[in-house]
Amino acid sequence: MRLNRILLSSALVVVALVIQVSVLARLHLPGAVPDLLLLTVLGLAMVYGHVGGALVGFGAGLLADLAPPADHAAGRYALVLCVTGYFAGLIKPDHGRLKSATGPMAVVVAAAIGSTLLYAGVGALVGDTAARHVGLPGLLISAALYDLLLAPFVVPVIMWLARRSDNDPLTESGPAAKATDISSGWLSSGTGLRIGDQRGGLGALKAKARTRSARVGRIKGVKRL
């Protein structure tokens, strides 16, 4: 991942985790807690792709595992968000731009249900039976509902920031590269030269010179007549 992506992802993950722990977790809503960290990973994954989504998800989950008041085994949520970020990145839209909100909303619901099931499954493997006492169906419904209500205010903003950070003049896909392409096209249309192909450019110049000389000769012959 590029440096600008790492810095933006780290900042967004830290802010999302602080808000989730200090605000959302204290609302004492029935069922699950709105997962702002999951929505942040989803928004970044749908711009950065499956590799970037997996890396961001792993880092975000590991930070959540180590941050208080975490009461589960370290690495458990890192695995969940890593897998979620990977699969969310597989449906990355063209140029990170969304044409409809239906797809992302479906991704949010699937991610909320899938991450809850995966978290409960990993917990069952390590002997954590908290999901059984709370009620897994209630957790699934509430997680999907809360994340779906919160997603329109979070995911578009995260994706916009991610796309904005990629427009870096130092990167190949930024405005500088586009300006280079535009200038190359402008030069080629005005002179007939192809940038990077000197032989073709010289040949084009010679051909034009011959054509112009032939035209001048014909014009002079007409005048003499």
C-alpha atoms as a PDB file:
ATOM      1  CA  MET A   1       0.000   0.000   0.000  1.00  0.00           C
ATOM      2  CA  ARG A   2       1.123   3.536  -0.740  1.00  0.00           C
ATOM      3  CA  LEU A   3       2.041   5.893   2.067  1.00  0.00           C
ATOM      4  CA  ASN A   4      -0.987   8.133   1.579  1.00  0.00           C
ATOM      5  CA  ARG A   5      -3.290   5.107   1.838  1.00  0.00           C
ATOM      6  CA  ILE A   6      -1.586   3.903   5.002  1.00  0.00           C
ATOM      7  CA  LEU A   7      -1.833   7.310   6.675  1.00  0.00           C
ATOM      8  CA  LEU A   8      -5.490   7.819   5.731  1.00  0.00           C
ATOM      9  CA  SER A   9      -6.498   4.273   6.727  1.00  0.00           C
ATOM     10  CA  SER A  10      -4.724   4.560  10.077  1.00  0.00           C
ATOM     11  CA  ALA A  11      -6.377   7.879  10.862  1.00  0.00           C
ATOM     12  CA  LEU A  12      -9.855   6.680   9.893  1.00  0.00           C
ATOM     13  CA  VAL A  13      -9.500   3.406  11.805  1.00  0.00           C
ATOM     14  CA  VAL A  14      -8.358   5.181  14.978  1.00  0.00           C
ATOM     15  CA  VAL A  15     -11.208   7.718  14.788  1.00  0.00           C
ATOM     16  CA  ALA A  16     -13.769   4.981  14.125  1.00  0.00           C
ATOM     17  CA  LEU A  17     -12.509   2.872  17.018  1.00  0.00           C
ATOM     18  CA  VAL A  18     -12.565   5.806  19.448  1.00  0.00           C
ATOM     19  CA  ILE A  19     -16.132   6.726  18.457  1.00  0.00           C
ATOM     20  CA  GLN A  20     -17.283   3.126  18.660  1.00  0.00           C
ATOM     21  CA  VAL A  21     -15.774   2.505  22.105  1.00  0.00           C
ATOM     22  CA  SER A  22     -16.571   5.857  23.695  1.00  0.00           C
ATOM     23  CA  VAL A  23     -19.985   6.596  22.115  1.00  0.00           C
ATOM     24  CA  LEU A  24     -21.688   3.709  20.339  1.00  0.00           C
ATOM     25  CA  ALA A  25     -20.804   1.076  22.918  1.00  0.00           C
ATOM     26  CA  ARG A  26     -22.321   3.228  25.677  1.00  0.00           C
ATOM     27  CA  LEU A  27     -25.711   3.621  24.018  1.00  0.00           C
ATOM     28  CA  HIS A  28     -26.774   0.236  25.463  1.00  0.00           C
ATOM     29  CA  LEU A  29     -28.873  -0.613  22.428  1.00  0.00           C
ATOM     30  CA  PRO A  30     -30.635  -3.991  22.423  1.00  0.00           C
ATOM     31  CA  GLY A  31     -28.683  -6.712  20.684  1.00  0.00           C
ATOM     32  CA  ALA A  32     -25.438  -5.877  18.921  1.00  0.00           C
ATOM     33  CA  VAL A  33     -23.411  -2.662  18.932  1.00  0.00           C
ATOM     34  CA  PRO A  34     -23.278  -0.588  15.700  1.00  0.00           C
ATOM     35  CA  ASP A  35     -19.959  -1.525  14.125  1.00  0.00           C
ATOM     36  CA  LEU A  36     -18.432   1.701  12.861  1.00  0.00           C
ATOM     37  CA  LEU A  37     -15.069  -0.019  12.459  1.00  0.00           C
ATOM     38  CA  LEU A  38     -16.580  -2.582  10.109  1.00  0.00           C
ATOM     39  CA  LEU A  39     -18.167   0.136   7.962  1.00  0.00           C
ATOM     40  CA  THR A  40     -14.826   1.951   7.762  1.00  0.00           C
ATOM     41  CA  VAL A  41     -13.106  -1.206   6.535  1.00  0.00           C
ATOM     42  CA  LEU A  42     -15.862  -1.786   3.974  1.00  0.00           C
ATOM     43  CA  GLY A  43     -15.599   1.744   2.582  1.00  0.00           C
ATOM     44  CA  LEU A  44     -11.815   1.508   2.225  1.00  0.00           C
ATOM     45  CA  ALA A  45     -11.953  -2.005   0.756  1.00  0.00           C
ATOM     46  CA  MET A  46     -14.386  -0.951  -1.990  1.00  0.00           C
ATOM     47  CA  VAL A  47     -11.832   1.639  -3.130  1.00  0.00           C
ATOM     48  CA  TYR A  48      -8.504  -0.111  -2.429  1.00  0.00           C
ATOM     49  CA  GLY A  49      -9.493  -3.590  -3.611  1.00  0.00           C
ATOM     50  CA  HIS A  50      -9.243  -7.007  -1.966  1.00  0.00           C
ATOM     51  CA  VAL A  51      -5.553  -6.818  -1.005  1.00  0.00           C
ATOM     52  CA  GLY A  52      -5.854  -3.359   0.510  1.00  0.00           C
ATOM     53  CA  GLY A  53      -9.134  -4.325   2.166  1.00  0.00           C
ATOM     54  CA  ALA A  54      -7.562  -7.381   3.785  1.00  0.00           C
ATOM     55  CA  LEU A  55      -4.601  -5.369   5.080  1.00  0.00           C
ATOM     56  CA  VAL A  56      -6.778  -2.573   6.432  1.00  0.00           C
ATOM     57  CA  GLY A  57      -9.170  -5.087   7.989  1.00  0.00           C
ATOM     58  CA  PHE A  58      -6.386  -6.978   9.708  1.00  0.00           C
ATOM     59  CA  GLY A  59      -4.839  -3.810  11.124  1.00  0.00           C
ATOM     60  CA  ALA A  60      -8.187  -2.433  12.277  1.00  0.00           C
ATOM     61  CA  GLY A  61      -9.210  -5.725  13.868  1.00  0.00           C
ATOM     62  CA  LEU A  62      -5.890  -6.140  15.642  1.00  0.00           C
ATOM     63  CA  LEU A  63      -6.158  -2.632  17.040  1.00  0.00           C
ATOM     64  CA  ALA A  64      -9.662  -3.406  18.294  1.00  0.00           C
ATOM     65  CA  ASP A  65      -8.404  -6.650  19.854  1.00  0.00           C
ATOM     66  CA  LEU A  66      -5.739  -4.808  21.826  1.00  0.00           C
ATOM     67  CA  ALA A  67      -7.706  -1.678  22.732  1.00  0.00           C
ATOM     68  CA  PRO A  68      -9.578  -1.654  26.059  1.00  0.00           C
ATOM     69  CA  PRO A  69     -12.140  -2.786  27.075  1.00  0.00           C
ATOM     70  CA  ALA A  70     -11.564  -5.810  24.793  1.00  0.00           C
ATOM     71  CA  ASP A  71     -12.397  -9.044  26.623  1.00  0.00           C
ATOM     72  CA  HIS A  72     -11.630 -11.609  23.921  1.00  0.00           C
ATOM     73  CA  ALA A  73      -8.535 -13.336  22.575  1.00  0.00           C
ATOM     74  CA  ALA A  74      -6.194 -11.127  20.550  1.00  0.00           C
ATOM     75  CA  GLY A  75      -6.419 -11.779  16.846  1.00  0.00           C
ATOM     76  CA  ARG A  76     -10.037 -12.866  16.858  1.00  0.00           C
ATOM     77  CA  TYR A  77     -11.514  -9.671  15.447  1.00  0.00           C
ATOM     78  CA  ALA A  78      -8.440  -9.175  13.254  1.00  0.00           C
ATOM     79  CA  LEU A  79      -9.279 -12.422  11.473  1.00  0.00           C
ATOM     80  CA  VAL A  80     -12.916 -11.400  11.067  1.00  0.00           C
ATOM     81  CA  LEU A  81     -12.182  -7.977   9.576  1.00  0.00           C
ATOM     82  CA  CYS A  82      -9.356  -9.329   7.414  1.00  0.00           C
ATOM     83  CA  VAL A  83     -11.696 -11.832   5.766  1.00  0.00           C
ATOM     84  CA  THR A  84     -14.475  -9.244   5.504  1.00  0.00           C
ATOM     85  CA  GLY A  85     -12.182  -6.637   3.935  1.00  0.00           C
ATOM     86  CA  TYR A  86     -10.888  -9.166   1.427  1.00  0.00           C
ATOM     87  CA  PHE A  87     -14.319 -10.201   0.166  1.00  0.00           C
ATOM     88  CA  ALA A  88     -15.604  -6.620   0.161  1.00  0.00           C
ATOM     89  CA  GLY A  89     -12.635  -5.602  -1.978  1.00  0.00           C
ATOM     90  CA  LEU A  90     -13.506  -8.224  -4.590  1.00  0.00           C
ATOM     91  CA  ILE A  91     -16.550  -6.174  -5.639  1.00  0.00           C
ATOM     92  CA  LYS A  92     -14.574  -2.970  -6.010  1.00  0.00           C
ATOM     93  CA  PRO A  93     -16.414  -0.755  -8.537  1.00  0.00           C
ATOM     94  CA  ASP A  94     -14.677   0.841 -11.517  1.00  0.00           C
ATOM     95  CA  HIS A  95     -12.466   3.729 -10.396  1.00  0.00           C
ATOM     96  CA  GLY A  96     -13.953   3.393  -6.901  1.00  0.00           C
ATOM     97  CA  ARG A  97     -17.120   5.193  -7.993  1.00  0.00           C
ATOM     98  CA  LEU A  98     -20.550   3.833  -7.207  1.00  0.00           C
ATOM     99  CA  LYS A  99     -23.409   4.011  -9.697  1.00  0.00           C
ATOM    100  CA  SER A 100     -26.059   2.775  -7.259  1.00  0.00           C
ATOM    101  CA  ALA A 101     -26.481   2.447  -3.508  1.00  0.00           C
ATOM    102  CA  THR A 102     -28.113  -0.968  -3.761  1.00  0.00           C
ATOM    103  CA  GLY A 103     -24.847  -2.876  -4.102  1.00  0.00           C
ATOM    104  CA  PRO A 104     -23.065  -1.256  -1.142  1.00  0.00           C
ATOM    105  CA  MET A 105     -26.119  -1.662   1.077  1.00  0.00           C
ATOM    106  CA  ALA A 106     -26.238  -5.364   0.224  1.00  0.00           C
ATOM    107  CA  VAL A 107     -22.534  -5.586   1.019  1.00  0.00           C
ATOM    108  CA  VAL A 108     -23.123  -3.929   4.395  1.00  0.00           C
ATOM    109  CA  VAL A 109     -25.884  -6.369   5.330  1.00  0.00           C
ATOM    110  CA  ALA A 110     -23.858  -9.372   4.178  1.00  0.00           C
ATOM    111  CA  ALA A 111     -20.762  -8.125   6.005  1.00  0.00           C
ATOM    112  CA  ALA A 112     -22.686  -7.465   9.228  1.00  0.00           C
ATOM    113  CA  ILE A 113     -24.217 -10.946   9.228  1.00  0.00           C
ATOM    114  CA  GLY A 114     -21.079 -12.694   7.998  1.00  0.00           C
ATOM    115  CA  SER A 115     -18.747 -10.962  10.472  1.00  0.00           C
ATOM    116  CA  THR A 116     -21.097 -11.743  13.374  1.00  0.00           C
ATOM    117  CA  LEU A 117     -21.297 -15.399  12.381  1.00  0.00           C
ATOM    118  CA  LEU A 118     -17.540 -15.642  11.873  1.00  0.00           C
ATOM    119  CA  TYR A 119     -16.855 -13.911  15.193  1.00  0.00           C
ATOM    120  CA  ALA A 120     -19.229 -16.271  16.997  1.00  0.00           C
ATOM    121  CA  GLY A 121     -17.744 -19.277  15.205  1.00  0.00           C
ATOM    122  CA  VAL A 122     -14.183 -18.371  16.125  1.00  0.00           C
ATOM    123  CA  GLY A 123     -15.353 -17.737  19.682  1.00  0.00           C
ATOM    124  CA  ALA A 124     -16.908 -21.190  19.835  1.00  0.00           C
ATOM    125  CA  LEU A 125     -13.590 -22.714  18.772  1.00  0.00           C
ATOM    126  CA  VAL A 126     -11.749 -20.995  21.619  1.00  0.00           C
ATOM    127  CA  GLY A 127     -14.451 -21.713  24.207  1.00  0.00           C
ATOM    128  CA  ASP A 128     -16.310 -18.383  24.198  1.00  0.00           C
ATOM    129  CA  THR A 129     -20.047 -19.106  24.428  1.00  0.00           C
ATOM    130  CA  ALA A 130     -21.264 -15.546  24.998  1.00  0.00           C
ATOM    131  CA  ALA A 131     -23.170 -15.525  21.702  1.00  0.00           C
ATOM    132  CA  ARG A 132     -25.268 -18.493  22.850  1.00  0.00           C
ATOM    133  CA  HIS A 133     -26.368 -16.714  26.017  1.00  0.00           C
ATOM    134  CA  VAL A 134     -27.217 -13.456  24.242  1.00  0.00           C
ATOM    135  CA  GLY A 135     -28.992 -15.149  21.347  1.00  0.00           C
ATOM    136  CA  LEU A 136     -27.357 -15.423  17.925  1.00  0.00           C
ATOM    137  CA  PRO A 137     -30.493 -14.646  15.839  1.00  0.00           C
ATOM    138  CA  GLY A 138     -31.052 -11.412  17.765  1.00  0.00           C
ATOM    139  CA  LEU A 139     -27.421 -10.435  17.284  1.00  0.00           C
ATOM    140  CA  LEU A 140     -27.605 -11.046  13.540  1.00  0.00           C
ATOM    141  CA  ILE A 141     -30.790  -9.030  13.050  1.00  0.00           C
ATOM    142  CA  SER A 142     -29.689  -6.120  15.234  1.00  0.00           C
ATOM    143  CA  ALA A 143     -26.177  -6.016  13.713  1.00  0.00           C
ATOM    144  CA  ALA A 144     -27.562  -5.898  10.176  1.00  0.00           C
ATOM    145  CA  LEU A 145     -30.157  -3.262  11.111  1.00  0.00           C
ATOM    146  CA  TYR A 146     -27.788  -0.948  12.985  1.00  0.00           C
ATOM    147  CA  ASP A 147     -25.064  -1.133  10.361  1.00  0.00           C
ATOM    148  CA  LEU A 148     -27.559  -0.600   7.553  1.00  0.00           C
ATOM    149  CA  LEU A 149     -28.908   2.544   9.234  1.00  0.00           C
ATOM    150  CA  LEU A 150     -25.427   3.884   9.911  1.00  0.00           C
ATOM    151  CA  ALA A 151     -23.902   2.993   6.524  1.00  0.00           C
ATOM    152  CA  PRO A 152     -25.352   5.884   4.412  1.00  0.00           C
ATOM    153  CA  PHE A 153     -23.634   8.378   6.724  1.00  0.00           C
ATOM    154  CA  VAL A 154     -20.281   6.571   6.870  1.00  0.00           C
ATOM    155  CA  VAL A 155     -19.468   4.491   3.774  1.00  0.00           C
ATOM    156  CA  PRO A 156     -19.865   7.262   1.119  1.00  0.00           C
ATOM    157  CA  VAL A 157     -17.701   9.633   3.180  1.00  0.00           C
ATOM    158  CA  ILE A 158     -15.007   6.978   3.668  1.00  0.00           C
ATOM    159  CA  MET A 159     -14.983   6.165  -0.060  1.00  0.00           C
ATOM    160  CA  TRP A 160     -14.811   9.850  -1.001  1.00  0.00           C
ATOM    161  CA  LEU A 161     -11.834  10.404   1.310  1.00  0.00           C
ATOM    162  CA  ALA A 162     -10.108   7.300  -0.052  1.00  0.00           C
ATOM    163  CA  ARG A 163     -10.572   8.448  -3.660  1.00  0.00           C
ATOM    164  CA  ARG A 164      -9.428  11.958  -2.731  1.00  0.00           C
ATOM    165  CA  SER A 165      -6.239  10.640  -1.122  1.00  0.00           C
ATOM    166  CA  ASP A 166      -5.409   8.670  -4.276  1.00  0.00           C
ATOM    167  CA  ASN A 167      -5.360  11.898  -6.314  1.00  0.00           C
ATOM    168  CA  ASP A 168      -1.748  12.505  -5.251  1.00  0.00           C
ATOM    169  CA  PRO A 169       0.563  14.329  -7.706  1.00  0.00           C
ATOM    170  CA  LEU A 170       3.351  11.963  -6.690  1.00  0.00           C
ATOM    171  CA  THR A 171       1.443   8.858  -7.783  1.00  0.00           C
ATOM    172  CA  GLU A 172       1.092   7.535 -11.299  1.00  0.00           C
ATOM    173  CA  SER A 173      -2.701   7.754 -11.253  1.00  0.00           C
ATOM    174  CA  GLY A 174      -2.859  11.332  -9.947  1.00  0.00           C
ATOM    175  CA  PRO A 175      -3.452  14.617 -11.756  1.00  0.00           C
ATOM    176  CA  ALA A 176       0.205  14.855 -12.830  1.00  0.00           C
ATOM    177  CA  ALA A 177      -0.047  11.618 -14.759  1.00  0.00           C
ATOM    178  CA  LYS A 178      -3.304  12.768 -16.354  1.00  0.00           C
ATOM    179  CA  ALA A 179      -1.697  16.085 -17.277  1.00  0.00           C
ATOM    180  CA  THR A 180       1.188  14.199 -18.859  1.00  0.00           C
ATOM    181  CA  ASP A 181      -1.213  12.108 -20.914  1.00  0.00           C
ATOM    182  CA  ILE A 182      -3.147  15.197 -21.999  1.00  0.00           C
ATOM    183  CA  SER A 183       0.015  17.065 -22.978  1.00  0.00           C
ATOM    184  CA  SER A 184       1.287  14.035 -24.917  1.00  0.00           C
ATOM    185  CA  GLY A 185      -1.987  13.811 -26.820  1.00  0.00           C
ATOM    186  CA  TRP A 186      -1.932  17.531 -27.543  1.00  0.00           C
ATOM    187  CA  LEU A 187       1.645  17.348 -28.872  1.00  0.00           C
ATOM    188  CA  SER A 188       0.918  14.319 -31.032  1.00  0.00           C
ATOM    189  CA  SER A 189      -2.197  15.906 -32.531  1.00  0.00           C
ATOM    190  CA  GLY A 190      -0.352  19.120 -33.328  1.00  0.00           C
ATOM    191  CA  THR A 191       2.892  17.732 -34.740  1.00  0.00           C
ATOM    192  CA  GLY A 192       2.180  14.150 -35.762  1.00  0.00           C
ATOM    193  CA  LEU A 193       4.886  12.914 -33.375  1.00  0.00           C
ATOM    194  CA  ARG A 194       4.510  10.019 -30.992  1.00  0.00           C
ATOM    195  CA  ILE A 195       6.174  10.593 -27.661  1.00  0.00           C
ATOM    196  CA  GLY A 196       8.805   7.962 -27.036  1.00  0.00           C
ATOM    197  CA  ASP A 197       9.031   6.919 -30.722  1.00  0.00           C
ATOM    198  CA  GLN A 198      11.724   9.100 -32.247  1.00  0.00           C
ATOM    199  CA  ARG A 199      12.066   7.071 -35.452  1.00  0.00           C
ATOM    200  CA  GLY A 200       8.363   7.339 -36.194  1.00  0.00           C
ATOM    201  CA  GLY A 201       8.478  11.062 -35.450  1.00  0.00           C
ATOM    202  CA  LEU A 202      11.405  11.701 -37.802  1.00  0.00           C
ATOM    203  CA  GLY A 203       9.743   9.636 -40.510  1.00  0.00           C
ATOM    204  CA  ALA A 204       6.572  11.676 -40.161  1.00  0.00           C
ATOM    205  CA  LEU A 205       8.531  14.922 -40.440  1.00  0.00           C
ATOM    206  CA  LYS A 206      10.339  13.731 -43.565  1.00  0.00           C
ATOM    207  CA  ALA A 207       7.079  12.609 -45.177  1.00  0.00           C
ATOM    208  CA  LYS A 208       5.506  16.001 -44.458  1.00  0.00           C
ATOM    209  CA  ALA A 209       8.544  17.784 -45.861  1.00  0.00           C
ATOM    210  CA  ARG A 210       8.331  15.767 -49.101  1.00  0.00           C
ATOM    211  CA  THR A 211       4.618  16.463 -49.391  1.00  0.00           C
ATOM    212  CA  ARG A 212       5.105  20.177 -48.912  1.00  0.00           C
ATOM    213  CA  SER A 213       7.965  20.330 -51.429  1.00  0.00           C
ATOM    214  CA  ALA A 214       5.861  18.438 -53.987  1.00  0.00           C
ATOM    215  CA  ARG A 215       2.993  20.855 -53.473  1.00  0.00           C
ATOM    216  CA  VAL A 216       5.312  23.830 -53.873  1.00  0.00           C
ATOM    217  CA  GLY A 217       6.688  22.325 -57.102  1.00  0.00           C
ATOM    218  CA  ARG A 218       3.204  21.831 -58.503  1.00  0.00           C
ATOM    219  CA  ILE A 219       2.210  25.366 -57.582  1.00  0.00           C
ATOM    220  CA  LYS A 220       5.304  26.798 -59.250  1.00  0.00           C
ATOM    221  CA  GLY A 221       4.667  24.715 -62.377  1.00  0.00           C
ATOM    222  CA  VAL A 222       1.130  26.041 -62.568  1.00  0.00           C
ATOM    223  CA  LYS A 223       2.337  29.615 -62.239  1.00  0.00           C
ATOM    224  CA  ARG A 224       4.921  29.127 -65.002  1.00  0.00           C
ATOM    225  CA  LEU A 225       2.208  27.837 -67.314  1.00  0.00           C
END
